[in-house]
Amino acid sequence: PARARTEDPVLVFAAASLSAALSRALDAALGAAARQGVTLVFGSSAALARQIVAGAPADLYVSAHPRWSDFLADSGSLDAASSTPLLGNALALAAAAHVEAPPVADDGLLREGAPTAAALLDALGRDGRLAIGRRDTTPLGLYGAAALRTLGLWSALSPRLAEAQDARAAARFVAQGAAPLGVLYASDFAPAAPLNGARVVGRFPAESHPQIIYPAALTQRGARRVAARQVMSALTSADAAATFHRHGFTPLASADAAPATAPRGDG
């Protein structure tokens, strides 16, 4: 990374939901001087993957869903040997500050029938919509749609979705009051970087959707660069893991983390 200041910067393409955590994790793991040799680009995992296939000069790719890292691996754009499940996350039902939340179980977990579709529709009001990522492409949309289907809420709520281009845009819909409710990542409400203007009203059980995994990998370009490999190593360091944890993520790849296997498939 220090050499990269006088060469091309190490270019990291990463899921929008990591926009606060990843920058701070690299600050902690690399230090201020080396961190200047790293450029971060955040966006939809799907859009970033397509840009890499089209020739964008990314060195590392961190997706919020194995679907898109698999897409890049299948295209030959990733160094498959470097791929590692970096982080985990969880889903939450969020409400804008002014919205009266629907009742949930005492433990805060959403279950089939609690809350009912009718209670959620009542909280949305006549014209309100449920913020979520695009259901067919964004990781948040893929995980969220699966959870709503598992809980028997999909048929009632799917006509009332506000589908955002990425996870941060979905969070803004709720925080700014444009959507009364939203299916968001639990990391949006971590103490290190809380989402102002919204609150968690319930949590989706882990078994209601595919495991949320953020795979990280070097691209074929990055695999040929010493500085890029150093940045990849920094992401799995203890300092980075502690920072990710403070931002509401579950580190999976640090030396102290339990091993995990990133599932293939589109969720």
C-alpha atoms as a PDB file:
ATOM      1  CA  PRO A   1       0.000   0.000   0.000  1.00  0.00           C
ATOM      2  CA  ALA A   2       2.834   2.470   0.700  1.00  0.00           C
ATOM      3  CA  ARG A   3       4.286   1.899  -2.746  1.00  0.00           C
ATOM      4  CA  ALA A   4       0.836   2.412  -4.252  1.00  0.00           C
ATOM      5  CA  ARG A   5       1.016   6.122  -3.421  1.00  0.00           C
ATOM      6  CA  THR A   6       3.510   6.551  -6.245  1.00  0.00           C
ATOM      7  CA  GLU A   7       1.883   3.914  -8.452  1.00  0.00           C
ATOM      8  CA  ASP A   8      -1.727   3.223  -9.324  1.00  0.00           C
ATOM      9  CA  PRO A   9      -3.825   3.100  -6.132  1.00  0.00           C
ATOM     10  CA  VAL A  10      -5.250  -0.216  -5.042  1.00  0.00           C
ATOM     11  CA  LEU A  11      -8.848  -0.005  -6.221  1.00  0.00           C
ATOM     12  CA  VAL A  12     -11.431  -1.780  -4.047  1.00  0.00           C
ATOM     13  CA  PHE A  13     -14.993  -2.269  -5.317  1.00  0.00           C
ATOM     14  CA  ALA A  14     -17.297  -3.021  -2.369  1.00  0.00           C
ATOM     15  CA  ALA A  15     -20.950  -3.379  -1.460  1.00  0.00           C
ATOM     16  CA  ALA A  16     -22.661  -0.125  -0.477  1.00  0.00           C
ATOM     17  CA  SER A  17     -23.579  -1.492   2.958  1.00  0.00           C
ATOM     18  CA  LEU A  18     -19.846  -1.452   3.817  1.00  0.00           C
ATOM     19  CA  SER A  19     -19.346   2.234   3.080  1.00  0.00           C
ATOM     20  CA  ALA A  20     -18.566   3.250   6.672  1.00  0.00           C
ATOM     21  CA  ALA A  21     -17.119   0.030   8.039  1.00  0.00           C
ATOM     22  CA  LEU A  22     -14.672  -0.844   5.282  1.00  0.00           C
ATOM     23  CA  SER A  23     -12.975   2.532   5.212  1.00  0.00           C
ATOM     24  CA  ARG A  24     -12.492   2.524   8.976  1.00  0.00           C
ATOM     25  CA  ALA A  25     -11.354  -1.108   9.014  1.00  0.00           C
ATOM     26  CA  LEU A  26      -8.612  -0.328   6.516  1.00  0.00           C
ATOM     27  CA  ASP A  27      -7.625   2.767   8.493  1.00  0.00           C
ATOM     28  CA  ALA A  28      -7.200   0.560  11.563  1.00  0.00           C
ATOM     29  CA  ALA A  29      -5.378  -2.240   9.777  1.00  0.00           C
ATOM     30  CA  LEU A  30      -3.087  -0.243   7.481  1.00  0.00           C
ATOM     31  CA  GLY A  31      -2.495   3.066   9.237  1.00  0.00           C
ATOM     32  CA  ALA A  32      -2.957   6.515   7.740  1.00  0.00           C
ATOM     33  CA  ALA A  33       0.083   6.520   5.457  1.00  0.00           C
ATOM     34  CA  ALA A  34      -0.553   3.197   3.744  1.00  0.00           C
ATOM     35  CA  ARG A  35      -4.298   3.867   3.601  1.00  0.00           C
ATOM     36  CA  GLN A  36      -3.621   6.733   1.171  1.00  0.00           C
ATOM     37  CA  GLY A  37      -2.694   4.146  -1.438  1.00  0.00           C
ATOM     38  CA  VAL A  38      -6.189   2.608  -1.420  1.00  0.00           C
ATOM     39  CA  THR A  39      -9.233   3.931  -3.279  1.00  0.00           C
ATOM     40  CA  LEU A  40     -12.691   2.643  -2.324  1.00  0.00           C
ATOM     41  CA  VAL A  41     -15.655   2.537  -4.698  1.00  0.00           C
ATOM     42  CA  PHE A  42     -19.035   1.595  -3.206  1.00  0.00           C
ATOM     43  CA  GLY A  43     -22.230   0.589  -4.968  1.00  0.00           C
ATOM     44  CA  SER A  44     -24.607  -2.229  -5.725  1.00  0.00           C
ATOM     45  CA  SER A  45     -22.789  -5.569  -5.703  1.00  0.00           C
ATOM     46  CA  ALA A  46     -24.437  -6.416  -9.012  1.00  0.00           C
ATOM     47  CA  ALA A  47     -23.507  -3.135 -10.720  1.00  0.00           C
ATOM     48  CA  LEU A  48     -19.906  -3.331  -9.520  1.00  0.00           C
ATOM     49  CA  ALA A  49     -19.551  -6.921 -10.704  1.00  0.00           C
ATOM     50  CA  ARG A  50     -20.801  -5.987 -14.145  1.00  0.00           C
ATOM     51  CA  GLN A  51     -18.351  -3.076 -14.290  1.00  0.00           C
ATOM     52  CA  ILE A  52     -15.461  -5.426 -13.514  1.00  0.00           C
ATOM     53  CA  VAL A  53     -16.536  -7.812 -16.265  1.00  0.00           C
ATOM     54  CA  ALA A  54     -16.686  -4.812 -18.600  1.00  0.00           C
ATOM     55  CA  GLY A  55     -13.075  -3.970 -17.801  1.00  0.00           C
ATOM     56  CA  ALA A  56     -13.098  -1.684 -14.746  1.00  0.00           C
ATOM     57  CA  PRO A  57      -9.593  -1.839 -13.195  1.00  0.00           C
ATOM     58  CA  ALA A  58     -10.614  -3.074  -9.746  1.00  0.00           C
ATOM     59  CA  ASP A  59      -8.053  -4.959  -7.652  1.00  0.00           C
ATOM     60  CA  LEU A  60     -10.372  -6.304  -4.939  1.00  0.00           C
ATOM     61  CA  TYR A  61     -14.085  -7.042  -4.897  1.00  0.00           C
ATOM     62  CA  VAL A  62     -16.220  -7.383  -1.763  1.00  0.00           C
ATOM     63  CA  SER A  63     -19.797  -8.422  -2.464  1.00  0.00           C
ATOM     64  CA  ALA A  64     -22.723  -8.658  -0.052  1.00  0.00           C
ATOM     65  CA  HIS A  65     -23.859 -11.934  -1.639  1.00  0.00           C
ATOM     66  CA  PRO A  66     -22.020 -14.976  -3.030  1.00  0.00           C
ATOM     67  CA  ARG A  67     -24.152 -14.742  -6.177  1.00  0.00           C
ATOM     68  CA  TRP A  68     -22.093 -11.874  -7.545  1.00  0.00           C
ATOM     69  CA  SER A  69     -18.665 -13.157  -6.547  1.00  0.00           C
ATOM     70  CA  ASP A  70     -19.649 -16.441  -8.204  1.00  0.00           C
ATOM     71  CA  PHE A  71     -20.675 -14.466 -11.290  1.00  0.00           C
ATOM     72  CA  LEU A  72     -17.217 -12.888 -11.451  1.00  0.00           C
ATOM     73  CA  ALA A  73     -15.452 -16.183 -10.771  1.00  0.00           C
ATOM     74  CA  ASP A  74     -17.408 -17.852 -13.568  1.00  0.00           C
ATOM     75  CA  SER A  75     -16.456 -15.011 -15.919  1.00  0.00           C
ATOM     76  CA  GLY A  76     -12.765 -15.526 -15.143  1.00  0.00           C
ATOM     77  CA  SER A  77     -12.449 -12.041 -13.626  1.00  0.00           C
ATOM     78  CA  LEU A  78     -11.616 -13.152 -10.064  1.00  0.00           C
ATOM     79  CA  ASP A  79      -8.654 -14.978  -8.607  1.00  0.00           C
ATOM     80  CA  ALA A  80     -10.768 -17.812  -7.197  1.00  0.00           C
ATOM     81  CA  ALA A  81      -7.999 -19.047  -4.902  1.00  0.00           C
ATOM     82  CA  SER A  82      -8.084 -15.755  -2.973  1.00  0.00           C
ATOM     83  CA  SER A  83     -11.840 -15.779  -2.293  1.00  0.00           C
ATOM     84  CA  THR A  84     -12.796 -15.832   1.389  1.00  0.00           C
ATOM     85  CA  PRO A  85     -16.040 -15.330   3.329  1.00  0.00           C
ATOM     86  CA  LEU A  86     -15.154 -12.066   5.042  1.00  0.00           C
ATOM     87  CA  LEU A  87     -18.238 -10.955   6.987  1.00  0.00           C
ATOM     88  CA  GLY A  88     -21.730 -11.880   8.073  1.00  0.00           C
ATOM     89  CA  ASN A  89     -24.768  -9.705   8.736  1.00  0.00           C
ATOM     90  CA  ALA A  90     -28.436  -9.933   9.743  1.00  0.00           C
ATOM     91  CA  LEU A  91     -31.762  -8.479   8.613  1.00  0.00           C
ATOM     92  CA  ALA A  92     -33.959  -6.083  10.547  1.00  0.00           C
ATOM     93  CA  LEU A  93     -37.386  -4.580  10.085  1.00  0.00           C
ATOM     94  CA  ALA A  94     -36.948  -0.827  10.463  1.00  0.00           C
ATOM     95  CA  ALA A  95     -39.444   1.987  10.863  1.00  0.00           C
ATOM     96  CA  ALA A  96     -39.170   5.698  10.225  1.00  0.00           C
ATOM     97  CA  ALA A  97     -39.121   7.807  13.383  1.00  0.00           C
ATOM     98  CA  HIS A  98     -42.704   9.022  12.964  1.00  0.00           C
ATOM     99  CA  VAL A  99     -44.251   5.602  12.288  1.00  0.00           C
ATOM    100  CA  GLU A 100     -46.079   3.560  14.895  1.00  0.00           C
ATOM    101  CA  ALA A 101     -44.426   0.166  14.691  1.00  0.00           C
ATOM    102  CA  PRO A 102     -46.462  -3.033  14.271  1.00  0.00           C
ATOM    103  CA  PRO A 103     -46.416  -5.363  17.296  1.00  0.00           C
ATOM    104  CA  VAL A 104     -43.836  -8.170  17.309  1.00  0.00           C
ATOM    105  CA  ALA A 105     -42.973 -10.966  19.738  1.00  0.00           C
ATOM    106  CA  ASP A 106     -41.434 -10.088  23.105  1.00  0.00           C
ATOM    107  CA  ASP A 107     -38.020 -11.333  21.955  1.00  0.00           C
ATOM    108  CA  GLY A 108     -38.131  -9.020  18.950  1.00  0.00           C
ATOM    109  CA  LEU A 109     -38.030 -11.814  16.393  1.00  0.00           C
ATOM    110  CA  LEU A 110     -40.444 -11.778  13.470  1.00  0.00           C
ATOM    111  CA  ARG A 111     -42.366 -15.005  13.006  1.00  0.00           C
ATOM    112  CA  GLU A 112     -45.047 -16.196  10.649  1.00  0.00           C
ATOM    113  CA  GLY A 113     -48.200 -14.449  11.803  1.00  0.00           C
ATOM    114  CA  ALA A 114     -46.388 -12.035  14.144  1.00  0.00           C
ATOM    115  CA  PRO A 115     -46.654  -9.403  12.902  1.00  0.00           C
ATOM    116  CA  THR A 116     -49.464 -10.166  10.524  1.00  0.00           C
ATOM    117  CA  ALA A 117     -49.540  -8.857   6.989  1.00  0.00           C
ATOM    118  CA  ALA A 118     -52.535  -6.752   7.996  1.00  0.00           C
ATOM    119  CA  ALA A 119     -50.549  -5.087  10.804  1.00  0.00           C
ATOM    120  CA  LEU A 120     -47.690  -4.273   8.446  1.00  0.00           C
ATOM    121  CA  LEU A 121     -50.035  -2.880   5.821  1.00  0.00           C
ATOM    122  CA  ASP A 122     -51.676  -0.756   8.482  1.00  0.00           C
ATOM    123  CA  ALA A 123     -48.263   0.621   9.493  1.00  0.00           C
ATOM    124  CA  LEU A 124     -47.514   1.416   5.852  1.00  0.00           C
ATOM    125  CA  GLY A 125     -50.723   3.399   5.544  1.00  0.00           C
ATOM    126  CA  ARG A 126     -52.682   3.991   2.393  1.00  0.00           C
ATOM    127  CA  ASP A 127     -49.779   4.935   0.104  1.00  0.00           C
ATOM    128  CA  GLY A 128     -46.665   3.964   2.066  1.00  0.00           C
ATOM    129  CA  ARG A 129     -44.144   1.450   0.791  1.00  0.00           C
ATOM    130  CA  LEU A 130     -41.708  -1.034   2.293  1.00  0.00           C
ATOM    131  CA  ALA A 131     -38.103  -0.122   1.445  1.00  0.00           C
ATOM    132  CA  ILE A 132     -35.909  -2.980   0.271  1.00  0.00           C
ATOM    133  CA  GLY A 133     -33.188  -3.568  -2.313  1.00  0.00           C
ATOM    134  CA  ARG A 134     -34.110  -4.543  -5.844  1.00  0.00           C
ATOM    135  CA  ARG A 135     -35.514  -7.998  -5.379  1.00  0.00           C
ATOM    136  CA  ASP A 136     -33.840  -9.716  -8.332  1.00  0.00           C
ATOM    137  CA  THR A 137     -30.321  -8.259  -8.204  1.00  0.00           C
ATOM    138  CA  THR A 138     -29.289  -6.564  -4.965  1.00  0.00           C
ATOM    139  CA  PRO A 139     -28.130  -8.735  -2.073  1.00  0.00           C
ATOM    140  CA  LEU A 140     -30.485  -6.923   0.322  1.00  0.00           C
ATOM    141  CA  GLY A 141     -33.368  -7.588  -2.044  1.00  0.00           C
ATOM    142  CA  LEU A 142     -32.467 -11.250  -2.462  1.00  0.00           C
ATOM    143  CA  TYR A 143     -32.134 -11.853   1.277  1.00  0.00           C
ATOM    144  CA  GLY A 144     -35.162  -9.710   2.143  1.00  0.00           C
ATOM    145  CA  ALA A 145     -37.474 -11.295  -0.404  1.00  0.00           C
ATOM    146  CA  ALA A 146     -36.498 -14.746   0.866  1.00  0.00           C
ATOM    147  CA  ALA A 147     -37.281 -13.712   4.447  1.00  0.00           C
ATOM    148  CA  LEU A 148     -40.670 -12.254   3.526  1.00  0.00           C
ATOM    149  CA  ARG A 149     -41.571 -15.418   1.644  1.00  0.00           C
ATOM    150  CA  THR A 150     -40.537 -17.632   4.562  1.00  0.00           C
ATOM    151  CA  LEU A 151     -42.724 -15.621   6.951  1.00  0.00           C
ATOM    152  CA  GLY A 152     -45.720 -15.735   4.624  1.00  0.00           C
ATOM    153  CA  LEU A 153     -45.672 -11.967   3.974  1.00  0.00           C
ATOM    154  CA  TRP A 154     -44.591 -11.840   0.356  1.00  0.00           C
ATOM    155  CA  SER A 155     -47.959 -11.958  -1.401  1.00  0.00           C
ATOM    156  CA  ALA A 156     -49.339  -9.095   0.698  1.00  0.00           C
ATOM    157  CA  LEU A 157     -46.241  -6.887   0.689  1.00  0.00           C
ATOM    158  CA  SER A 158     -44.653  -7.444  -2.732  1.00  0.00           C
ATOM    159  CA  PRO A 159     -47.027  -4.950  -4.430  1.00  0.00           C
ATOM    160  CA  ARG A 160     -46.011  -2.331  -1.836  1.00  0.00           C
ATOM    161  CA  LEU A 161     -42.221  -2.420  -2.198  1.00  0.00           C
ATOM    162  CA  ALA A 162     -39.930   0.570  -2.746  1.00  0.00           C
ATOM    163  CA  GLU A 163     -36.995  -1.164  -4.427  1.00  0.00           C
ATOM    164  CA  ALA A 164     -33.716   0.735  -4.016  1.00  0.00           C
ATOM    165  CA  GLN A 165     -30.589   0.451  -6.131  1.00  0.00           C
ATOM    166  CA  ASP A 166     -28.485  -0.623  -3.144  1.00  0.00           C
ATOM    167  CA  ALA A 167     -28.647  -1.139   0.630  1.00  0.00           C
ATOM    168  CA  ARG A 168     -27.654   2.412   1.541  1.00  0.00           C
ATOM    169  CA  ALA A 169     -30.355   3.858  -0.689  1.00  0.00           C
ATOM    170  CA  ALA A 170     -32.950   1.608   0.981  1.00  0.00           C
ATOM    171  CA  ALA A 171     -31.775   2.818   4.394  1.00  0.00           C
ATOM    172  CA  ARG A 172     -32.125   6.440   3.271  1.00  0.00           C
ATOM    173  CA  PHE A 173     -35.705   5.804   2.144  1.00  0.00           C
ATOM    174  CA  VAL A 174     -36.620   4.927   5.731  1.00  0.00           C
ATOM    175  CA  ALA A 175     -34.397   7.440   7.517  1.00  0.00           C
ATOM    176  CA  GLN A 176     -35.760  10.319   5.443  1.00  0.00           C
ATOM    177  CA  GLY A 177     -39.369   9.201   5.902  1.00  0.00           C
ATOM    178  CA  ALA A 178     -39.950   8.358   2.243  1.00  0.00           C
ATOM    179  CA  ALA A 179     -40.834   4.794   3.266  1.00  0.00           C
ATOM    180  CA  PRO A 180     -42.566   4.089   6.605  1.00  0.00           C
ATOM    181  CA  LEU A 181     -40.962   0.645   6.926  1.00  0.00           C
ATOM    182  CA  GLY A 182     -37.959  -1.128   5.452  1.00  0.00           C
ATOM    183  CA  VAL A 183     -36.132  -4.429   5.360  1.00  0.00           C
ATOM    184  CA  LEU A 184     -32.571  -3.304   6.134  1.00  0.00           C
ATOM    185  CA  TYR A 185     -29.304  -4.745   7.373  1.00  0.00           C
ATOM    186  CA  ALA A 186     -28.833  -4.889  11.124  1.00  0.00           C
ATOM    187  CA  SER A 187     -25.439  -3.229  10.598  1.00  0.00           C
ATOM    188  CA  ASP A 188     -27.261  -0.012   9.659  1.00  0.00           C
ATOM    189  CA  PHE A 189     -28.034   0.405  13.366  1.00  0.00           C
ATOM    190  CA  ALA A 190     -24.641  -0.397  14.886  1.00  0.00           C
ATOM    191  CA  PRO A 191     -23.477   2.035  17.599  1.00  0.00           C
ATOM    192  CA  ALA A 192     -20.366   2.945  15.579  1.00  0.00           C
ATOM    193  CA  ALA A 193     -22.431   4.371  12.711  1.00  0.00           C
ATOM    194  CA  PRO A 194     -26.144   4.448  13.580  1.00  0.00           C
ATOM    195  CA  LEU A 195     -28.806   5.296  11.032  1.00  0.00           C
ATOM    196  CA  ASN A 196     -30.454   8.478  12.263  1.00  0.00           C
ATOM    197  CA  GLY A 197     -34.160   8.918  11.598  1.00  0.00           C
ATOM    198  CA  ALA A 198     -35.044   5.225  11.780  1.00  0.00           C
ATOM    199  CA  ARG A 199     -35.185   2.490  14.386  1.00  0.00           C
ATOM    200  CA  VAL A 200     -35.300  -1.296  14.529  1.00  0.00           C
ATOM    201  CA  VAL A 201     -38.735  -2.694  15.348  1.00  0.00           C
ATOM    202  CA  GLY A 202     -38.024  -6.379  14.761  1.00  0.00           C
ATOM    203  CA  ARG A 203     -35.368  -8.845  13.649  1.00  0.00           C
ATOM    204  CA  PHE A 204     -35.693 -11.537  11.004  1.00  0.00           C
ATOM    205  CA  PRO A 205     -34.676 -15.009  12.205  1.00  0.00           C
ATOM    206  CA  ALA A 206     -31.448 -16.228  10.614  1.00  0.00           C
ATOM    207  CA  GLU A 207     -33.257 -19.312   9.314  1.00  0.00           C
ATOM    208  CA  SER A 208     -35.749 -17.187   7.359  1.00  0.00           C
ATOM    209  CA  HIS A 209     -33.226 -16.396   4.626  1.00  0.00           C
ATOM    210  CA  PRO A 210     -29.914 -17.687   3.213  1.00  0.00           C
ATOM    211  CA  GLN A 211     -26.912 -16.943   5.391  1.00  0.00           C
ATOM    212  CA  ILE A 212     -25.714 -13.385   4.749  1.00  0.00           C
ATOM    213  CA  ILE A 213     -22.098 -13.612   3.670  1.00  0.00           C
ATOM    214  CA  TYR A 214     -19.794 -10.969   2.223  1.00  0.00           C
ATOM    215  CA  PRO A 215     -17.160 -12.747   0.101  1.00  0.00           C
ATOM    216  CA  ALA A 216     -13.921 -10.874  -0.619  1.00  0.00           C
ATOM    217  CA  ALA A 217     -11.523 -11.737  -3.429  1.00  0.00           C
ATOM    218  CA  LEU A 218      -8.722 -10.363  -5.544  1.00  0.00           C
ATOM    219  CA  THR A 219      -9.454  -9.778  -9.173  1.00  0.00           C
ATOM    220  CA  GLN A 220      -7.088 -11.211 -11.742  1.00  0.00           C
ATOM    221  CA  ARG A 221      -5.447  -7.765 -11.900  1.00  0.00           C
ATOM    222  CA  GLY A 222      -5.178  -7.533  -8.109  1.00  0.00           C
ATOM    223  CA  ALA A 223      -3.649 -10.985  -7.790  1.00  0.00           C
ATOM    224  CA  ARG A 224      -0.657  -9.725  -9.777  1.00  0.00           C
ATOM    225  CA  ARG A 225      -0.062  -6.747  -7.444  1.00  0.00           C
ATOM    226  CA  VAL A 226       1.807  -6.972  -4.140  1.00  0.00           C
ATOM    227  CA  ALA A 227      -0.012  -3.941  -2.728  1.00  0.00           C
ATOM    228  CA  ALA A 228      -3.418  -5.445  -3.509  1.00  0.00           C
ATOM    229  CA  ARG A 229      -2.503  -8.675  -1.753  1.00  0.00           C
ATOM    230  CA  GLN A 230      -1.437  -6.648   1.277  1.00  0.00           C
ATOM    231  CA  VAL A 231      -4.814  -4.893   1.358  1.00  0.00           C
ATOM    232  CA  MET A 232      -6.580  -8.241   1.084  1.00  0.00           C
ATOM    233  CA  SER A 233      -4.551  -9.489   4.042  1.00  0.00           C
ATOM    234  CA  ALA A 234      -5.407  -6.350   6.011  1.00  0.00           C
ATOM    235  CA  LEU A 235      -9.133  -7.057   5.610  1.00  0.00           C
ATOM    236  CA  THR A 236      -8.741 -10.311   7.538  1.00  0.00           C
ATOM    237  CA  SER A 237      -6.554  -8.868  10.300  1.00  0.00           C
ATOM    238  CA  ALA A 238      -7.569  -8.648  13.958  1.00  0.00           C
ATOM    239  CA  ASP A 239      -7.662  -4.826  13.784  1.00  0.00           C
ATOM    240  CA  ALA A 240     -10.043  -4.909  10.828  1.00  0.00           C
ATOM    241  CA  ALA A 241     -12.204  -7.579  12.487  1.00  0.00           C
ATOM    242  CA  ALA A 242     -12.609  -5.451  15.623  1.00  0.00           C
ATOM    243  CA  THR A 243     -13.673  -2.481  13.523  1.00  0.00           C
ATOM    244  CA  PHE A 244     -16.152  -4.524  11.503  1.00  0.00           C
ATOM    245  CA  HIS A 245     -17.620  -5.871  14.731  1.00  0.00           C
ATOM    246  CA  ARG A 246     -18.187  -2.346  16.067  1.00  0.00           C
ATOM    247  CA  HIS A 247     -20.051  -1.585  12.847  1.00  0.00           C
ATOM    248  CA  GLY A 248     -22.470  -4.453  13.329  1.00  0.00           C
ATOM    249  CA  PHE A 249     -20.871  -7.115  11.121  1.00  0.00           C
ATOM    250  CA  THR A 250     -19.775 -10.594  12.109  1.00  0.00           C
ATOM    251  CA  PRO A 251     -16.121 -11.157  11.118  1.00  0.00           C
ATOM    252  CA  LEU A 252     -15.721 -14.581   9.519  1.00  0.00           C
ATOM    253  CA  ALA A 253     -12.173 -14.562   8.188  1.00  0.00           C
ATOM    254  CA  SER A 254      -9.996 -13.205  10.999  1.00  0.00           C
ATOM    255  CA  ALA A 255      -7.695 -15.465  12.962  1.00  0.00           C
ATOM    256  CA  ASP A 256     -10.138 -15.492  15.898  1.00  0.00           C
ATOM    257  CA  ALA A 257     -13.281 -16.102  13.851  1.00  0.00           C
ATOM    258  CA  ALA A 258     -14.976 -19.435  13.403  1.00  0.00           C
ATOM    259  CA  PRO A 259     -14.513 -20.876   9.898  1.00  0.00           C
ATOM    260  CA  ALA A 260     -17.348 -20.396   7.459  1.00  0.00           C
ATOM    261  CA  THR A 261     -18.065 -21.568   3.954  1.00  0.00           C
ATOM    262  CA  ALA A 262     -19.617 -19.228   1.426  1.00  0.00           C
ATOM    263  CA  PRO A 263     -22.517 -21.027  -0.260  1.00  0.00           C
ATOM    264  CA  ARG A 264     -22.893 -20.858  -4.001  1.00  0.00           C
ATOM    265  CA  GLY A 265     -26.199 -19.899  -5.590  1.00  0.00           C
ATOM    266  CA  ASP A 266     -28.306 -16.793  -5.916  1.00  0.00           C
ATOM    267  CA  GLY A 267     -30.269 -16.951  -2.683  1.00  0.00           C
END
